[in-house]
C-alpha atoms as a PDB file:
ATOM      1  CA  MET A   1      30.779  25.424 -33.569  1.00  0.00           C
ATOM      2  CA  LYS A   2      32.241  26.554 -30.220  1.00  0.00           C
ATOM      3  CA  LYS A   3      29.065  28.474 -29.430  1.00  0.00           C
ATOM      4  CA  LEU A   4      26.903  25.448 -30.172  1.00  0.00           C
ATOM      5  CA  LEU A   5      29.077  23.220 -28.001  1.00  0.00           C
ATOM      6  CA  GLY A   6      28.980  25.843 -25.215  1.00  0.00           C
ATOM      7  CA  ILE A   7      25.178  26.010 -25.371  1.00  0.00           C
ATOM      8  CA  ILE A   8      24.883  22.216 -25.204  1.00  0.00           C
ATOM      9  CA  VAL A   9      27.261  21.950 -22.219  1.00  0.00           C
ATOM     10  CA  LEU A  10      25.543  24.804 -20.396  1.00  0.00           C
ATOM     11  CA  GLY A  11      22.138  23.238 -21.055  1.00  0.00           C
ATOM     12  CA  LEU A  12      23.268  19.922 -19.610  1.00  0.00           C
ATOM     13  CA  LEU A  13      24.692  21.585 -16.503  1.00  0.00           C
ATOM     14  CA  LEU A  14      21.544  23.573 -15.800  1.00  0.00           C
ATOM     15  CA  SER A  15      19.108  20.711 -16.381  1.00  0.00           C
ATOM     16  CA  GLY A  16      20.703  18.318 -13.882  1.00  0.00           C
ATOM     17  CA  ASN A  17      18.009  18.660 -11.206  1.00  0.00           C
ATOM     18  CA  VAL A  18      15.021  18.848 -13.523  1.00  0.00           C
ATOM     19  CA  TYR A  19      14.608  15.086 -13.577  1.00  0.00           C
ATOM     20  CA  ALA A  20      15.564  14.410  -9.957  1.00  0.00           C
ATOM     21  CA  LYS A  21      14.137  11.112  -8.770  1.00  0.00           C
ATOM     22  CA  ASP A  22      12.386  10.321  -5.561  1.00  0.00           C
ATOM     23  CA  VAL A  23      14.695   8.921  -2.899  1.00  0.00           C
ATOM     24  CA  LYS A  24      13.147   6.047  -0.975  1.00  0.00           C
ATOM     25  CA  LEU A  25      14.393   5.422   2.568  1.00  0.00           C
ATOM     26  CA  ILE A  26      13.739   2.587   4.971  1.00  0.00           C
ATOM     27  CA  CYS A  27      14.099   3.623   8.593  1.00  0.00           C
ATOM     28  CA  THR A  28      14.448   0.834  11.166  1.00  0.00           C
ATOM     29  CA  ASP A  29      13.676   1.549  14.809  1.00  0.00           C
ATOM     30  CA  ILE A  30      16.804   1.603  16.989  1.00  0.00           C
ATOM     31  CA  LYS A  31      15.211  -0.297  19.900  1.00  0.00           C
ATOM     32  CA  ASP A  32      12.930  -2.666  17.952  1.00  0.00           C
ATOM     33  CA  GLU A  33      14.164  -3.815  14.529  1.00  0.00           C
ATOM     34  CA  GLY A  34      10.687  -5.173  13.766  1.00  0.00           C
ATOM     35  CA  ILE A  35       9.388  -1.607  13.411  1.00  0.00           C
ATOM     36  CA  SER A  36      10.267   0.252  10.241  1.00  0.00           C
ATOM     37  CA  HIS A  37       9.052   3.251   8.267  1.00  0.00           C
ATOM     38  CA  ILE A  38       9.350   3.882   4.550  1.00  0.00           C
ATOM     39  CA  LEU A  39       9.791   7.503   3.521  1.00  0.00           C
ATOM     40  CA  ILE A  40      10.087   9.105   0.096  1.00  0.00           C
ATOM     41  CA  ILE A  41      11.802  12.463  -0.289  1.00  0.00           C
ATOM     42  CA  ASN A  42      12.054  14.627  -3.383  1.00  0.00           C
ATOM     43  CA  ASP A  43      14.527  17.514  -3.245  1.00  0.00           C
ATOM     44  CA  ASN A  44      13.117  19.121  -6.382  1.00  0.00           C
ATOM     45  CA  LYS A  45       9.544  19.340  -5.128  1.00  0.00           C
ATOM     46  CA  LYS A  46      10.603  19.529  -1.447  1.00  0.00           C
ATOM     47  CA  THR A  47       8.125  16.845  -0.485  1.00  0.00           C
ATOM     48  CA  LEU A  48       8.117  14.146   2.164  1.00  0.00           C
ATOM     49  CA  ILE A  49       5.843  11.124   1.780  1.00  0.00           C
ATOM     50  CA  VAL A  50       5.367   8.281   4.248  1.00  0.00           C
ATOM     51  CA  GLU A  51       4.113   4.797   3.404  1.00  0.00           C
ATOM     52  CA  ASP A  52       1.640   3.996   6.187  1.00  0.00           C
ATOM     53  CA  GLU A  53       0.765   0.547   4.895  1.00  0.00           C
ATOM     54  CA  PRO A  54       2.167  -1.249   1.857  1.00  0.00           C
ATOM     55  CA  GLY A  55       0.856   0.629  -1.166  1.00  0.00           C
ATOM     56  CA  PHE A  56      -0.786   3.466   0.827  1.00  0.00           C
ATOM     57  CA  TYR A  57       1.069   6.775   0.930  1.00  0.00           C
ATOM     58  CA  ASP A  58       0.481  10.035   2.801  1.00  0.00           C
ATOM     59  CA  ALA A  59       2.067  13.336   1.845  1.00  0.00           C
ATOM     60  CA  LEU A  60       3.218  15.131   4.959  1.00  0.00           C
ATOM     61  CA  ASN A  61       2.905  18.852   5.647  1.00  0.00           C
ATOM     62  CA  VAL A  62       6.514  19.980   5.292  1.00  0.00           C
ATOM     63  CA  GLY A  63       7.710  22.720   7.627  1.00  0.00           C
ATOM     64  CA  VAL A  64      11.497  22.676   7.323  1.00  0.00           C
ATOM     65  CA  TYR A  65      13.287  21.355   4.238  1.00  0.00           C
ATOM     66  CA  ASN A  66      16.967  22.121   3.891  1.00  0.00           C
ATOM     67  CA  SER A  67      20.333  20.396   3.505  1.00  0.00           C
ATOM     68  CA  ASP A  68      20.498  19.530   7.233  1.00  0.00           C
ATOM     69  CA  GLU A  69      16.989  18.353   8.076  1.00  0.00           C
ATOM     70  CA  ILE A  70      13.470  17.701   6.877  1.00  0.00           C
ATOM     71  CA  ASP A  71      10.418  18.141   9.108  1.00  0.00           C
ATOM     72  CA  GLY A  72       6.965  16.912   8.189  1.00  0.00           C
ATOM     73  CA  ASP A  73       3.787  16.225  10.100  1.00  0.00           C
ATOM     74  CA  LYS A  74       0.363  14.704   9.697  1.00  0.00           C
ATOM     75  CA  LYS A  75      -2.746  14.887  11.821  1.00  0.00           C
ATOM     76  CA  ILE A  76      -5.379  12.235  12.340  1.00  0.00           C
ATOM     77  CA  GLU A  77      -8.862  13.628  12.771  1.00  0.00           C
ATOM     78  CA  ILE A  78     -11.937  11.837  14.063  1.00  0.00           C
ATOM     79  CA  ASN A  79     -15.279  13.615  13.664  1.00  0.00           C
ATOM     80  CA  GLY A  80     -13.479  16.841  12.741  1.00  0.00           C
ATOM     81  CA  LYS A  81     -11.328  16.832  15.888  1.00  0.00           C
ATOM     82  CA  VAL A  82      -7.562  16.229  15.867  1.00  0.00           C
ATOM     83  CA  GLU A  83      -6.897  13.091  17.916  1.00  0.00           C
ATOM     84  CA  GLN A  84      -3.272  12.363  17.058  1.00  0.00           C
ATOM     85  CA  GLN A  85      -0.352  14.146  15.436  1.00  0.00           C
ATOM     86  CA  PHE A  86       2.803  12.571  14.012  1.00  0.00           C
ATOM     87  CA  VAL A  87       5.936  14.669  13.520  1.00  0.00           C
ATOM     88  CA  TYR A  88       8.714  13.211  11.349  1.00  0.00           C
ATOM     89  CA  ASN A  89      12.193  14.782  11.585  1.00  0.00           C
ATOM     90  CA  ILE A  90      15.014  13.444   9.411  1.00  0.00           C
ATOM     91  CA  ASP A  91      18.547  14.538  10.239  1.00  0.00           C
ATOM     92  CA  ARG A  92      20.154  14.424   6.804  1.00  0.00           C
ATOM     93  CA  ARG A  93      23.688  14.398   8.237  1.00  0.00           C
ATOM     94  CA  THR A  94      23.266  11.381  10.543  1.00  0.00           C
ATOM     95  CA  GLY A  95      20.414   9.558   8.773  1.00  0.00           C
ATOM     96  CA  ILE A  96      18.339   9.414  11.956  1.00  0.00           C
ATOM     97  CA  LEU A  97      14.567   9.737  11.854  1.00  0.00           C
ATOM     98  CA  THR A  98      12.891  11.007  15.004  1.00  0.00           C
ATOM     99  CA  LEU A  99       9.173  10.214  15.031  1.00  0.00           C
ATOM    100  CA  THR A 100       7.146  12.017  17.667  1.00  0.00           C
ATOM    101  CA  SER A 101       3.547  10.963  18.277  1.00  0.00           C
ATOM    102  CA  HIS A 102       1.197  13.253  20.239  1.00  0.00           C
ATOM    103  CA  LEU A 103      -1.972  11.683  21.617  1.00  0.00           C
ATOM    104  CA  ILE A 104      -4.088  14.805  22.048  1.00  0.00           C
ATOM    105  CA  SER A 105      -6.814  13.437  24.360  1.00  0.00           C
ATOM    106  CA  SER A 106      -4.422  11.866  26.892  1.00  0.00           C
ATOM    107  CA  LYS A 107      -1.648  14.465  26.338  1.00  0.00           C
ATOM    108  CA  ASN A 108       0.891  11.641  25.991  1.00  0.00           C
ATOM    109  CA  ILE A 109       3.957  12.080  23.807  1.00  0.00           C
ATOM    110  CA  TYR A 110       5.946   9.169  22.391  1.00  0.00           C
ATOM    111  CA  ARG A 111       9.298   9.570  20.663  1.00  0.00           C
ATOM    112  CA  ASN A 112      11.095   6.885  18.648  1.00  0.00           C
ATOM    113  CA  LYS A 113      14.394   7.066  16.799  1.00  0.00           C
ATOM    114  CA  SER A 114      15.215   5.088  13.670  1.00  0.00           C
ATOM    115  CA  ASN A 115      18.281   4.611  11.463  1.00  0.00           C
ATOM    116  CA  CYS A 116      17.562   5.353   7.806  1.00  0.00           C
ATOM    117  CA  LYS A 117      19.234   3.954   4.727  1.00  0.00           C
ATOM    118  CA  LEU A 118      18.448   3.843   1.034  1.00  0.00           C
ATOM    119  CA  PHE A 119      15.726   1.360   0.209  1.00  0.00           C
ATOM    120  CA  LYS A 120      16.765  -1.240  -2.339  1.00  0.00           C
ATOM    121  CA  GLU A 121      13.988  -2.544  -4.510  1.00  0.00           C
ATOM    122  CA  ASN A 122      13.169  -6.249  -4.539  1.00  0.00           C
ATOM    123  CA  LYS A 123      15.054  -8.282  -7.113  1.00  0.00           C
ATOM    124  CA  PHE A 124      12.102 -10.551  -7.896  1.00  0.00           C
END
């Protein structure tokens, strides 16, 4: 009986992360509260997904994924040529998202910071 109980307890302890859910964040721009980004992170799969428009999601290419930060990027190509690159960096300790946008043709770089918090689903 003790062995069976031990196996059950051990099984429950080891399977804790198997069914880890996606964590949905809403990140509101520090300077302009009208600008926000919705991000979905999954620690099990080590993925970072951004919602570009309501209902349209893009998986980012993840470079760094650890307990302190997550880095992901996506490139926009036109006619096979990269025109713009977005780099998302989430500081997991402070909850700040730094979004860097590189406009390749004009060599301009824009950087925005946003405060992130857990996204609460609509009640209705």
